[in-house]
């Protein structure tokens, strides 16, 4: 998206010009027009997952997934606060997107073949590279998921966690019992009350839910990572223009970090996108500056919500930029 060094940002006069197909008009009534007419962006988030999408005591939404929606609102409405956040469970999230109740699903959702092809959805990119793991109490004395024979494992319905865990233990010829929940809060409550021996989910989710237990320090994540979970924002497949907008907002966040363009410098930095590209996207010339000025770059979003200085304390790992040992990578903006 951006050039490699911040001092080149001023020369981005042809950003995107070669990167977008000639025809990106929506196949149905444009979501962008609907959002602007409504004056708010409807964003589907979790029912409460600290670090990703959760409300504070003042009922203000915060989190990694929340900030993506704020970035989109800044791009299309010029105001990152013009959002209605819609909390959704794992079993209601897809219907909400299909029905038009939400414009974007930004809710720790794994990109899979069946979801992409069969549900009429468009995953606009990978915002967080994750993997499924296991959490258990330290006093169980376990050091590996391979020691969970005859254990009861809690997990959420409507997620890839069920099939992943079943396959893992079947391949290892280890007998376990599964207990599936529709409600994440109920699952965490039962796990904390020792009605489950272990809890399996994406490791980022486990790190978040660990903070919801009565004694977070009494719990630990086991070392096994049994799946790849590419998480990212989802839109409907019938609106190519809307998908392009969301896709390039995500790519902007990644390349802004690579270029060194931050929330603090956004007001003074120069960035230009080609007029014809802006027209195709349906955005004004200030959209990119509005996005970074509102939420910062990918690294800033990561660190304040889930990074080492947050309550979750997660390291960047594979979510570091490709120039810093990770696999985070986005197409260039030129």
C-alpha atoms as a PDB file:
ATOM      1  CA  UNK A   1       0.000   0.000   0.000  1.00  0.00           C
ATOM      2  CA  UNK A   2       2.546   2.529   1.124  1.00  0.00           C
ATOM      3  CA  UNK A   3       6.144   2.909   0.056  1.00  0.00           C
ATOM      4  CA  UNK A   4       8.704   1.537   2.465  1.00  0.00           C
ATOM      5  CA  UNK A   5       9.771   4.808   4.137  1.00  0.00           C
ATOM      6  CA  UNK A   6       7.553   7.562   5.562  1.00  0.00           C
ATOM      7  CA  UNK A   7       9.293  10.314   3.580  1.00  0.00           C
ATOM      8  CA  UNK A   8       7.901   8.841   0.381  1.00  0.00           C
ATOM      9  CA  UNK A   9       4.255   9.167   1.358  1.00  0.00           C
ATOM     10  CA  UNK A  10       3.883  12.499  -0.428  1.00  0.00           C
ATOM     11  CA  UNK A  11       4.547  10.893  -3.777  1.00  0.00           C
ATOM     12  CA  UNK A  12       1.627   8.468  -3.685  1.00  0.00           C
ATOM     13  CA  UNK A  13      -0.235  10.076  -6.578  1.00  0.00           C
ATOM     14  CA  UNK A  14      -1.101   6.824  -8.298  1.00  0.00           C
ATOM     15  CA  UNK A  15      -2.064   4.700  -5.285  1.00  0.00           C
ATOM     16  CA  UNK A  16      -4.299   1.722  -6.137  1.00  0.00           C
ATOM     17  CA  UNK A  17      -4.446   2.635  -9.851  1.00  0.00           C
ATOM     18  CA  UNK A  18      -3.100  -0.735 -10.955  1.00  0.00           C
ATOM     19  CA  UNK A  19      -4.471  -2.746  -8.063  1.00  0.00           C
ATOM     20  CA  UNK A  20      -8.207  -2.669  -8.614  1.00  0.00           C
ATOM     21  CA  UNK A  21     -10.149  -4.256 -11.440  1.00  0.00           C
ATOM     22  CA  UNK A  22     -11.805  -1.939 -13.912  1.00  0.00           C
ATOM     23  CA  UNK A  23     -15.311  -2.785 -12.776  1.00  0.00           C
ATOM     24  CA  UNK A  24     -16.021  -2.801  -9.065  1.00  0.00           C
ATOM     25  CA  UNK A  25     -19.613  -1.688  -9.078  1.00  0.00           C
ATOM     26  CA  UNK A  26     -21.920  -3.574  -6.688  1.00  0.00           C
ATOM     27  CA  UNK A  27     -24.139  -6.313  -8.051  1.00  0.00           C
ATOM     28  CA  UNK A  28     -27.023  -5.128  -5.895  1.00  0.00           C
ATOM     29  CA  UNK A  29     -28.050  -2.011  -4.031  1.00  0.00           C
ATOM     30  CA  UNK A  30     -24.824  -0.459  -2.825  1.00  0.00           C
ATOM     31  CA  UNK A  31     -23.964  -0.938   0.827  1.00  0.00           C
ATOM     32  CA  UNK A  32     -21.926   2.255   0.747  1.00  0.00           C
ATOM     33  CA  UNK A  33     -24.989   4.265  -0.299  1.00  0.00           C
ATOM     34  CA  UNK A  34     -27.114   2.579   2.353  1.00  0.00           C
ATOM     35  CA  UNK A  35     -24.553   3.328   5.073  1.00  0.00           C
ATOM     36  CA  UNK A  36     -24.315   6.966   4.059  1.00  0.00           C
ATOM     37  CA  UNK A  37     -28.075   7.364   3.864  1.00  0.00           C
ATOM     38  CA  UNK A  38     -28.412   5.792   7.314  1.00  0.00           C
ATOM     39  CA  UNK A  39     -25.531   7.863   8.679  1.00  0.00           C
ATOM     40  CA  UNK A  40     -24.087   4.981  10.668  1.00  0.00           C
ATOM     41  CA  UNK A  41     -22.151   1.802   9.999  1.00  0.00           C
ATOM     42  CA  UNK A  42     -23.658  -1.384  11.455  1.00  0.00           C
ATOM     43  CA  UNK A  43     -20.814  -3.544  12.718  1.00  0.00           C
ATOM     44  CA  UNK A  44     -21.254  -7.094  14.027  1.00  0.00           C
ATOM     45  CA  UNK A  45     -18.961  -7.885  16.962  1.00  0.00           C
ATOM     46  CA  UNK A  46     -18.717 -10.459  19.728  1.00  0.00           C
ATOM     47  CA  UNK A  47     -20.863 -10.410  22.827  1.00  0.00           C
ATOM     48  CA  UNK A  48     -17.787  -9.554  24.867  1.00  0.00           C
ATOM     49  CA  UNK A  49     -14.229 -10.720  24.207  1.00  0.00           C
ATOM     50  CA  UNK A  50     -11.686  -8.496  25.905  1.00  0.00           C
ATOM     51  CA  UNK A  51      -9.033  -7.179  23.580  1.00  0.00           C
ATOM     52  CA  UNK A  52     -11.151  -7.838  20.492  1.00  0.00           C
ATOM     53  CA  UNK A  53     -14.652  -6.463  21.110  1.00  0.00           C
ATOM     54  CA  UNK A  54     -15.974  -5.573  24.539  1.00  0.00           C
ATOM     55  CA  UNK A  55     -17.681  -2.671  26.295  1.00  0.00           C
ATOM     56  CA  UNK A  56     -16.125  -0.722  29.139  1.00  0.00           C
ATOM     57  CA  UNK A  57     -18.030   0.524  32.191  1.00  0.00           C
ATOM     58  CA  UNK A  58     -19.270   3.506  30.195  1.00  0.00           C
ATOM     59  CA  UNK A  59     -20.690   1.101  27.547  1.00  0.00           C
ATOM     60  CA  UNK A  60     -18.116   2.245  24.980  1.00  0.00           C
ATOM     61  CA  UNK A  61     -16.862  -0.489  22.655  1.00  0.00           C
ATOM     62  CA  UNK A  62     -13.132  -1.176  22.441  1.00  0.00           C
ATOM     63  CA  UNK A  63     -10.937  -3.819  20.859  1.00  0.00           C
ATOM     64  CA  UNK A  64      -8.972  -5.043  17.881  1.00  0.00           C
ATOM     65  CA  UNK A  65     -12.087  -5.974  15.870  1.00  0.00           C
ATOM     66  CA  UNK A  66     -13.880  -2.817  16.989  1.00  0.00           C
ATOM     67  CA  UNK A  67     -11.044  -0.658  15.666  1.00  0.00           C
ATOM     68  CA  UNK A  68     -11.370  -2.185  12.216  1.00  0.00           C
ATOM     69  CA  UNK A  69     -14.985  -1.058  12.057  1.00  0.00           C
ATOM     70  CA  UNK A  70     -13.962   2.369  13.304  1.00  0.00           C
ATOM     71  CA  UNK A  71     -11.426   2.484  10.471  1.00  0.00           C
ATOM     72  CA  UNK A  72     -14.116   1.681   7.895  1.00  0.00           C
ATOM     73  CA  UNK A  73     -16.440   4.310   9.364  1.00  0.00           C
ATOM     74  CA  UNK A  74     -13.641   6.866   9.136  1.00  0.00           C
ATOM     75  CA  UNK A  75     -13.116   5.948   5.470  1.00  0.00           C
ATOM     76  CA  UNK A  76     -16.743   6.034   4.338  1.00  0.00           C
ATOM     77  CA  UNK A  77     -18.339   8.528   6.738  1.00  0.00           C
ATOM     78  CA  UNK A  78     -15.364  10.622   7.795  1.00  0.00           C
ATOM     79  CA  UNK A  79     -16.122   9.860  11.453  1.00  0.00           C
ATOM     80  CA  UNK A  80     -14.961   6.742  13.288  1.00  0.00           C
ATOM     81  CA  UNK A  81     -17.701   7.146  15.902  1.00  0.00           C
ATOM     82  CA  UNK A  82     -20.654   6.856  13.527  1.00  0.00           C
ATOM     83  CA  UNK A  83     -21.147   3.170  14.280  1.00  0.00           C
ATOM     84  CA  UNK A  84     -23.808   0.947  15.733  1.00  0.00           C
ATOM     85  CA  UNK A  85     -22.147  -2.106  17.265  1.00  0.00           C
ATOM     86  CA  UNK A  86     -24.283  -5.248  17.156  1.00  0.00           C
ATOM     87  CA  UNK A  87     -23.182  -7.989  19.599  1.00  0.00           C
ATOM     88  CA  UNK A  88     -23.566 -11.452  18.064  1.00  0.00           C
ATOM     89  CA  UNK A  89     -23.011 -15.024  19.218  1.00  0.00           C
ATOM     90  CA  UNK A  90     -21.211 -17.649  17.154  1.00  0.00           C
ATOM     91  CA  UNK A  91     -24.569 -19.073  16.104  1.00  0.00           C
ATOM     92  CA  UNK A  92     -26.219 -15.772  15.101  1.00  0.00           C
ATOM     93  CA  UNK A  93     -23.329 -13.921  13.442  1.00  0.00           C
ATOM     94  CA  UNK A  94     -23.747 -15.278   9.907  1.00  0.00           C
ATOM     95  CA  UNK A  95     -27.513 -14.820   9.722  1.00  0.00           C
ATOM     96  CA  UNK A  96     -27.085 -11.213  10.831  1.00  0.00           C
ATOM     97  CA  UNK A  97     -24.765 -10.578   7.888  1.00  0.00           C
ATOM     98  CA  UNK A  98     -26.926 -12.448   5.385  1.00  0.00           C
ATOM     99  CA  UNK A  99     -30.084 -10.614   6.430  1.00  0.00           C
ATOM    100  CA  UNK A 100     -28.492  -7.179   6.183  1.00  0.00           C
ATOM    101  CA  UNK A 101     -28.733  -6.503   9.916  1.00  0.00           C
ATOM    102  CA  UNK A 102     -25.036  -5.648   9.816  1.00  0.00           C
ATOM    103  CA  UNK A 103     -22.791  -4.213   7.101  1.00  0.00           C
ATOM    104  CA  UNK A 104     -19.583  -5.871   8.339  1.00  0.00           C
ATOM    105  CA  UNK A 105     -18.883  -8.851  10.567  1.00  0.00           C
ATOM    106  CA  UNK A 106     -15.710  -8.047  12.513  1.00  0.00           C
ATOM    107  CA  UNK A 107     -15.836 -10.789  15.088  1.00  0.00           C
ATOM    108  CA  UNK A 108     -12.847 -13.190  15.366  1.00  0.00           C
ATOM    109  CA  UNK A 109     -14.212 -15.291  12.497  1.00  0.00           C
ATOM    110  CA  UNK A 110     -12.104 -17.942  10.746  1.00  0.00           C
ATOM    111  CA  UNK A 111     -11.826 -17.829   6.957  1.00  0.00           C
ATOM    112  CA  UNK A 112     -12.654 -21.277   5.581  1.00  0.00           C
ATOM    113  CA  UNK A 113     -13.524 -22.720   2.182  1.00  0.00           C
ATOM    114  CA  UNK A 114     -17.109 -23.577   3.077  1.00  0.00           C
ATOM    115  CA  UNK A 115     -17.836 -20.199   4.652  1.00  0.00           C
ATOM    116  CA  UNK A 116     -16.321 -18.362   1.715  1.00  0.00           C
ATOM    117  CA  UNK A 117     -17.984 -20.387  -1.031  1.00  0.00           C
ATOM    118  CA  UNK A 118     -21.243 -21.692   0.427  1.00  0.00           C
ATOM    119  CA  UNK A 119     -22.518 -18.838   2.587  1.00  0.00           C
ATOM    120  CA  UNK A 120     -22.339 -16.027   0.045  1.00  0.00           C
ATOM    121  CA  UNK A 121     -19.695 -14.150   2.038  1.00  0.00           C
ATOM    122  CA  UNK A 122     -16.492 -12.350   1.156  1.00  0.00           C
ATOM    123  CA  UNK A 123     -13.572 -12.466   3.560  1.00  0.00           C
ATOM    124  CA  UNK A 124     -11.760  -9.243   2.779  1.00  0.00           C
ATOM    125  CA  UNK A 125      -8.422 -10.360   4.207  1.00  0.00           C
ATOM    126  CA  UNK A 126      -6.681 -11.766   7.261  1.00  0.00           C
ATOM    127  CA  UNK A 127      -6.460  -9.332  10.137  1.00  0.00           C
ATOM    128  CA  UNK A 128      -5.151 -11.800  12.743  1.00  0.00           C
ATOM    129  CA  UNK A 129      -3.317 -15.084  12.302  1.00  0.00           C
ATOM    130  CA  UNK A 130      -4.393 -17.398  15.100  1.00  0.00           C
ATOM    131  CA  UNK A 131      -4.465 -21.074  16.007  1.00  0.00           C
ATOM    132  CA  UNK A 132      -6.587 -23.268  18.251  1.00  0.00           C
ATOM    133  CA  UNK A 133      -5.246 -24.341  21.604  1.00  0.00           C
ATOM    134  CA  UNK A 134      -6.246 -25.529  25.061  1.00  0.00           C
ATOM    135  CA  UNK A 135      -6.499 -23.872  28.463  1.00  0.00           C
ATOM    136  CA  UNK A 136      -6.513 -25.750  31.734  1.00  0.00           C
ATOM    137  CA  UNK A 137      -5.950 -25.113  35.424  1.00  0.00           C
ATOM    138  CA  UNK A 138      -2.381 -25.161  36.636  1.00  0.00           C
ATOM    139  CA  UNK A 139      -3.260 -27.457  39.534  1.00  0.00           C
ATOM    140  CA  UNK A 140      -4.216 -30.186  37.041  1.00  0.00           C
ATOM    141  CA  UNK A 141      -0.489 -30.693  36.607  1.00  0.00           C
ATOM    142  CA  UNK A 142      -0.688 -31.007  32.818  1.00  0.00           C
ATOM    143  CA  UNK A 143       2.033 -29.934  30.425  1.00  0.00           C
ATOM    144  CA  UNK A 144       0.488 -31.134  27.150  1.00  0.00           C
ATOM    145  CA  UNK A 145      -2.885 -31.646  25.511  1.00  0.00           C
ATOM    146  CA  UNK A 146      -1.801 -35.239  24.982  1.00  0.00           C
ATOM    147  CA  UNK A 147      -2.425 -35.759  28.710  1.00  0.00           C
ATOM    148  CA  UNK A 148      -6.143 -34.957  28.429  1.00  0.00           C
ATOM    149  CA  UNK A 149      -7.337 -38.559  28.120  1.00  0.00           C
ATOM    150  CA  UNK A 150     -10.849 -38.996  29.597  1.00  0.00           C
ATOM    151  CA  UNK A 151     -11.061 -35.239  30.166  1.00  0.00           C
ATOM    152  CA  UNK A 152     -14.154 -33.130  29.555  1.00  0.00           C
ATOM    153  CA  UNK A 153     -13.385 -30.352  27.119  1.00  0.00           C
ATOM    154  CA  UNK A 154     -15.645 -27.332  26.742  1.00  0.00           C
ATOM    155  CA  UNK A 155     -15.959 -25.456  23.453  1.00  0.00           C
ATOM    156  CA  UNK A 156     -18.340 -23.217  21.549  1.00  0.00           C
ATOM    157  CA  UNK A 157     -20.993 -24.372  19.102  1.00  0.00           C
ATOM    158  CA  UNK A 158     -20.920 -22.986  15.590  1.00  0.00           C
ATOM    159  CA  UNK A 159     -17.138 -22.684  15.466  1.00  0.00           C
ATOM    160  CA  UNK A 160     -14.303 -24.551  13.790  1.00  0.00           C
ATOM    161  CA  UNK A 161     -13.110 -25.526  17.278  1.00  0.00           C
ATOM    162  CA  UNK A 162     -15.441 -28.526  17.447  1.00  0.00           C
ATOM    163  CA  UNK A 163     -14.240 -30.277  14.287  1.00  0.00           C
ATOM    164  CA  UNK A 164     -10.605 -29.347  14.924  1.00  0.00           C
ATOM    165  CA  UNK A 165     -10.606 -30.813  18.436  1.00  0.00           C
ATOM    166  CA  UNK A 166     -12.465 -33.951  17.374  1.00  0.00           C
ATOM    167  CA  UNK A 167      -9.965 -34.568  14.586  1.00  0.00           C
ATOM    168  CA  UNK A 168      -6.944 -33.893  16.816  1.00  0.00           C
ATOM    169  CA  UNK A 169      -7.920 -36.388  19.499  1.00  0.00           C
ATOM    170  CA  UNK A 170      -9.132 -38.992  16.995  1.00  0.00           C
ATOM    171  CA  UNK A 171      -5.783 -38.887  15.210  1.00  0.00           C
ATOM    172  CA  UNK A 172      -3.969 -39.248  18.544  1.00  0.00           C
ATOM    173  CA  UNK A 173      -6.346 -42.069  19.564  1.00  0.00           C
ATOM    174  CA  UNK A 174      -7.135 -40.238  22.790  1.00  0.00           C
ATOM    175  CA  UNK A 175     -10.649 -40.536  24.223  1.00  0.00           C
ATOM    176  CA  UNK A 176     -12.138 -37.314  25.552  1.00  0.00           C
ATOM    177  CA  UNK A 177     -15.610 -35.918  26.172  1.00  0.00           C
ATOM    178  CA  UNK A 178     -16.819 -32.705  24.559  1.00  0.00           C
ATOM    179  CA  UNK A 179     -19.296 -30.283  26.038  1.00  0.00           C
ATOM    180  CA  UNK A 180     -20.573 -27.653  23.577  1.00  0.00           C
ATOM    181  CA  UNK A 181     -22.037 -24.295  24.544  1.00  0.00           C
ATOM    182  CA  UNK A 182     -24.004 -21.697  22.626  1.00  0.00           C
ATOM    183  CA  UNK A 183     -23.091 -18.935  25.064  1.00  0.00           C
ATOM    184  CA  UNK A 184     -19.461 -17.995  25.693  1.00  0.00           C
ATOM    185  CA  UNK A 185     -20.193 -16.509  29.105  1.00  0.00           C
ATOM    186  CA  UNK A 186     -21.836 -19.726  30.269  1.00  0.00           C
ATOM    187  CA  UNK A 187     -18.896 -21.742  28.968  1.00  0.00           C
ATOM    188  CA  UNK A 188     -16.344 -19.642  30.869  1.00  0.00           C
ATOM    189  CA  UNK A 189     -18.477 -19.812  34.011  1.00  0.00           C
ATOM    190  CA  UNK A 190     -18.671 -23.616  33.844  1.00  0.00           C
ATOM    191  CA  UNK A 191     -14.984 -23.961  33.042  1.00  0.00           C
ATOM    192  CA  UNK A 192     -14.092 -21.736  35.993  1.00  0.00           C
ATOM    193  CA  UNK A 193     -16.393 -23.820  38.213  1.00  0.00           C
ATOM    194  CA  UNK A 194     -14.420 -26.956  37.221  1.00  0.00           C
ATOM    195  CA  UNK A 195     -17.262 -28.466  35.212  1.00  0.00           C
ATOM    196  CA  UNK A 196     -14.740 -28.836  32.395  1.00  0.00           C
ATOM    197  CA  UNK A 197     -11.164 -30.057  32.625  1.00  0.00           C
ATOM    198  CA  UNK A 198     -10.065 -27.907  29.697  1.00  0.00           C
ATOM    199  CA  UNK A 199     -11.374 -25.240  27.360  1.00  0.00           C
ATOM    200  CA  UNK A 200     -10.488 -25.259  23.654  1.00  0.00           C
ATOM    201  CA  UNK A 201     -10.724 -22.246  21.328  1.00  0.00           C
ATOM    202  CA  UNK A 202      -8.521 -19.877  19.366  1.00  0.00           C
ATOM    203  CA  UNK A 203      -5.546 -19.022  21.543  1.00  0.00           C
ATOM    204  CA  UNK A 204      -6.322 -15.305  21.404  1.00  0.00           C
ATOM    205  CA  UNK A 205      -9.821 -16.056  22.695  1.00  0.00           C
ATOM    206  CA  UNK A 206      -8.435 -18.229  25.468  1.00  0.00           C
ATOM    207  CA  UNK A 207      -6.086 -15.438  26.532  1.00  0.00           C
ATOM    208  CA  UNK A 208      -9.069 -13.114  26.709  1.00  0.00           C
ATOM    209  CA  UNK A 209     -11.378 -15.522  28.533  1.00  0.00           C
ATOM    210  CA  UNK A 210      -8.632 -16.357  31.036  1.00  0.00           C
ATOM    211  CA  UNK A 211      -9.112 -12.808  32.341  1.00  0.00           C
ATOM    212  CA  UNK A 212     -12.780 -13.565  32.991  1.00  0.00           C
ATOM    213  CA  UNK A 213     -12.048 -16.387  35.430  1.00  0.00           C
ATOM    214  CA  UNK A 214     -12.047 -15.818  39.189  1.00  0.00           C
ATOM    215  CA  UNK A 215      -8.264 -16.257  39.315  1.00  0.00           C
ATOM    216  CA  UNK A 216      -6.553 -15.768  35.928  1.00  0.00           C
ATOM    217  CA  UNK A 217      -3.157 -16.792  37.287  1.00  0.00           C
ATOM    218  CA  UNK A 218      -4.566 -20.215  38.154  1.00  0.00           C
ATOM    219  CA  UNK A 219      -4.960 -21.033  34.455  1.00  0.00           C
ATOM    220  CA  UNK A 220      -2.491 -21.711  31.674  1.00  0.00           C
ATOM    221  CA  UNK A 221      -2.431 -22.367  27.951  1.00  0.00           C
ATOM    222  CA  UNK A 222      -1.010 -25.717  26.904  1.00  0.00           C
ATOM    223  CA  UNK A 223       1.705 -25.612  24.192  1.00  0.00           C
ATOM    224  CA  UNK A 224      -0.153 -27.401  21.376  1.00  0.00           C
ATOM    225  CA  UNK A 225      -1.537 -25.371  18.475  1.00  0.00           C
ATOM    226  CA  UNK A 226      -3.794 -27.760  16.573  1.00  0.00           C
ATOM    227  CA  UNK A 227      -5.064 -25.631  13.708  1.00  0.00           C
ATOM    228  CA  UNK A 228      -4.544 -22.548  11.620  1.00  0.00           C
ATOM    229  CA  UNK A 229      -7.203 -19.915  12.201  1.00  0.00           C
ATOM    230  CA  UNK A 230      -6.961 -16.983   9.793  1.00  0.00           C
ATOM    231  CA  UNK A 231      -9.334 -14.433  11.283  1.00  0.00           C
ATOM    232  CA  UNK A 232     -10.701 -11.498   9.366  1.00  0.00           C
ATOM    233  CA  UNK A 233     -13.592  -9.162   8.544  1.00  0.00           C
ATOM    234  CA  UNK A 234     -16.478 -10.500   6.469  1.00  0.00           C
ATOM    235  CA  UNK A 235     -18.972  -8.803   4.131  1.00  0.00           C
ATOM    236  CA  UNK A 236     -21.664 -10.066   1.784  1.00  0.00           C
ATOM    237  CA  UNK A 237     -20.534 -11.354  -1.586  1.00  0.00           C
ATOM    238  CA  UNK A 238     -23.063  -9.388  -3.627  1.00  0.00           C
ATOM    239  CA  UNK A 239     -21.371  -5.989  -3.377  1.00  0.00           C
ATOM    240  CA  UNK A 240     -17.922  -5.848  -4.945  1.00  0.00           C
ATOM    241  CA  UNK A 241     -17.426  -2.159  -4.237  1.00  0.00           C
ATOM    242  CA  UNK A 242     -18.107  -2.612  -0.514  1.00  0.00           C
ATOM    243  CA  UNK A 243     -15.740  -5.575  -0.377  1.00  0.00           C
ATOM    244  CA  UNK A 244     -13.007  -3.519  -2.069  1.00  0.00           C
ATOM    245  CA  UNK A 245     -13.428  -0.680   0.410  1.00  0.00           C
ATOM    246  CA  UNK A 246     -13.110  -2.998   3.403  1.00  0.00           C
ATOM    247  CA  UNK A 247     -10.214  -4.881   1.829  1.00  0.00           C
ATOM    248  CA  UNK A 248      -8.174  -1.759   1.146  1.00  0.00           C
ATOM    249  CA  UNK A 249      -8.895  -0.270   4.555  1.00  0.00           C
ATOM    250  CA  UNK A 250      -7.356  -3.422   6.040  1.00  0.00           C
ATOM    251  CA  UNK A 251      -4.401  -3.279   3.658  1.00  0.00           C
ATOM    252  CA  UNK A 252      -3.954   0.400   4.475  1.00  0.00           C
ATOM    253  CA  UNK A 253      -3.565  -0.389   8.180  1.00  0.00           C
ATOM    254  CA  UNK A 254      -0.847  -2.965   7.505  1.00  0.00           C
ATOM    255  CA  UNK A 255       1.132  -0.890   5.040  1.00  0.00           C
ATOM    256  CA  UNK A 256       0.837   2.210   7.172  1.00  0.00           C
ATOM    257  CA  UNK A 257       2.792   0.371   9.867  1.00  0.00           C
ATOM    258  CA  UNK A 258       5.381  -0.719   7.337  1.00  0.00           C
ATOM    259  CA  UNK A 259       5.749   2.858   6.107  1.00  0.00           C
ATOM    260  CA  UNK A 260       5.901   4.296   9.621  1.00  0.00           C
ATOM    261  CA  UNK A 261       2.761   6.380   9.252  1.00  0.00           C
ATOM    262  CA  UNK A 262       1.154   6.690  12.693  1.00  0.00           C
ATOM    263  CA  UNK A 263      -1.940   8.165  14.279  1.00  0.00           C
ATOM    264  CA  UNK A 264       0.171  10.985  15.665  1.00  0.00           C
ATOM    265  CA  UNK A 265       1.657  11.923  12.295  1.00  0.00           C
ATOM    266  CA  UNK A 266      -1.478  11.383  10.216  1.00  0.00           C
ATOM    267  CA  UNK A 267      -2.543  15.018  10.323  1.00  0.00           C
ATOM    268  CA  UNK A 268       0.768  16.303   8.963  1.00  0.00           C
ATOM    269  CA  UNK A 269       1.607  13.442   6.603  1.00  0.00           C
ATOM    270  CA  UNK A 270       0.776  13.722   2.919  1.00  0.00           C
ATOM    271  CA  UNK A 271      -0.979  10.908   1.128  1.00  0.00           C
ATOM    272  CA  UNK A 272      -2.785  11.070  -2.157  1.00  0.00           C
ATOM    273  CA  UNK A 273      -4.780   8.487  -4.006  1.00  0.00           C
ATOM    274  CA  UNK A 274      -5.609   8.744  -7.684  1.00  0.00           C
ATOM    275  CA  UNK A 275      -8.879  10.561  -8.344  1.00  0.00           C
ATOM    276  CA  UNK A 276     -10.163   7.783 -10.600  1.00  0.00           C
ATOM    277  CA  UNK A 277      -9.466   5.218  -7.903  1.00  0.00           C
ATOM    278  CA  UNK A 278     -11.271   7.275  -5.274  1.00  0.00           C
ATOM    279  CA  UNK A 279     -14.218   7.570  -7.647  1.00  0.00           C
ATOM    280  CA  UNK A 280     -14.350   3.806  -8.173  1.00  0.00           C
ATOM    281  CA  UNK A 281     -14.218   3.206  -4.437  1.00  0.00           C
ATOM    282  CA  UNK A 282     -16.769   5.948  -3.819  1.00  0.00           C
ATOM    283  CA  UNK A 283     -14.487   7.643  -1.285  1.00  0.00           C
ATOM    284  CA  UNK A 284     -13.118  11.174  -0.997  1.00  0.00           C
ATOM    285  CA  UNK A 285      -9.420  11.989  -1.277  1.00  0.00           C
ATOM    286  CA  UNK A 286      -8.942  12.201   2.502  1.00  0.00           C
ATOM    287  CA  UNK A 287     -10.175   8.696   3.300  1.00  0.00           C
ATOM    288  CA  UNK A 288      -6.766   7.144   4.018  1.00  0.00           C
ATOM    289  CA  UNK A 289      -5.646  10.008   6.245  1.00  0.00           C
ATOM    290  CA  UNK A 290      -8.990   9.841   8.044  1.00  0.00           C
ATOM    291  CA  UNK A 291      -8.490   6.142   8.766  1.00  0.00           C
ATOM    292  CA  UNK A 292      -4.990   6.408  10.239  1.00  0.00           C
ATOM    293  CA  UNK A 293      -5.866   9.592  12.087  1.00  0.00           C
ATOM    294  CA  UNK A 294      -8.773   7.803  13.729  1.00  0.00           C
ATOM    295  CA  UNK A 295      -7.267   4.442  14.717  1.00  0.00           C
ATOM    296  CA  UNK A 296      -3.554   4.459  13.845  1.00  0.00           C
ATOM    297  CA  UNK A 297      -1.741   1.727  11.932  1.00  0.00           C
ATOM    298  CA  UNK A 298      -1.996  -2.033  12.420  1.00  0.00           C
ATOM    299  CA  UNK A 299       0.805  -2.111  14.988  1.00  0.00           C
ATOM    300  CA  UNK A 300      -0.814   0.600  17.071  1.00  0.00           C
ATOM    301  CA  UNK A 301      -4.157  -1.205  16.993  1.00  0.00           C
ATOM    302  CA  UNK A 302      -2.522  -4.489  18.000  1.00  0.00           C
ATOM    303  CA  UNK A 303      -0.465  -3.076  20.851  1.00  0.00           C
ATOM    304  CA  UNK A 304      -3.179  -1.075  22.579  1.00  0.00           C
ATOM    305  CA  UNK A 305      -5.766  -3.855  22.409  1.00  0.00           C
ATOM    306  CA  UNK A 306      -3.983  -7.199  22.715  1.00  0.00           C
ATOM    307  CA  UNK A 307      -0.234  -6.483  22.766  1.00  0.00           C
ATOM    308  CA  UNK A 308       2.420  -6.762  25.445  1.00  0.00           C
ATOM    309  CA  UNK A 309       1.227  -3.636  27.248  1.00  0.00           C
ATOM    310  CA  UNK A 310      -2.422  -4.700  27.313  1.00  0.00           C
ATOM    311  CA  UNK A 311      -4.141  -6.995  29.798  1.00  0.00           C
ATOM    312  CA  UNK A 312      -3.901  -9.860  27.292  1.00  0.00           C
ATOM    313  CA  UNK A 313      -0.132  -9.410  26.963  1.00  0.00           C
ATOM    314  CA  UNK A 314       0.151 -11.161  23.578  1.00  0.00           C
ATOM    315  CA  UNK A 315       3.316 -10.957  21.536  1.00  0.00           C
ATOM    316  CA  UNK A 316       3.162 -10.171  17.832  1.00  0.00           C
ATOM    317  CA  UNK A 317       4.513 -13.600  16.804  1.00  0.00           C
ATOM    318  CA  UNK A 318       3.411 -14.435  13.266  1.00  0.00           C
ATOM    319  CA  UNK A 319       1.340 -11.251  13.291  1.00  0.00           C
ATOM    320  CA  UNK A 320       4.516  -9.197  13.044  1.00  0.00           C
ATOM    321  CA  UNK A 321       5.292  -7.546   9.733  1.00  0.00           C
ATOM    322  CA  UNK A 322       7.053  -9.680   7.149  1.00  0.00           C
ATOM    323  CA  UNK A 323      10.033  -7.329   7.513  1.00  0.00           C
ATOM    324  CA  UNK A 324      10.234  -8.160  11.228  1.00  0.00           C
ATOM    325  CA  UNK A 325      10.036 -11.936  11.219  1.00  0.00           C
ATOM    326  CA  UNK A 326       6.279 -12.363  10.931  1.00  0.00           C
ATOM    327  CA  UNK A 327       3.977 -13.206   8.044  1.00  0.00           C
ATOM    328  CA  UNK A 328       1.851 -10.037   8.040  1.00  0.00           C
ATOM    329  CA  UNK A 329       1.856  -8.811   4.470  1.00  0.00           C
ATOM    330  CA  UNK A 330      -0.371  -6.640   2.298  1.00  0.00           C
ATOM    331  CA  UNK A 331      -0.423  -5.737  -1.401  1.00  0.00           C
ATOM    332  CA  UNK A 332       1.248  -2.416  -2.176  1.00  0.00           C
ATOM    333  CA  UNK A 333      -0.786   0.738  -2.641  1.00  0.00           C
ATOM    334  CA  UNK A 334       0.370   1.856  -6.046  1.00  0.00           C
END
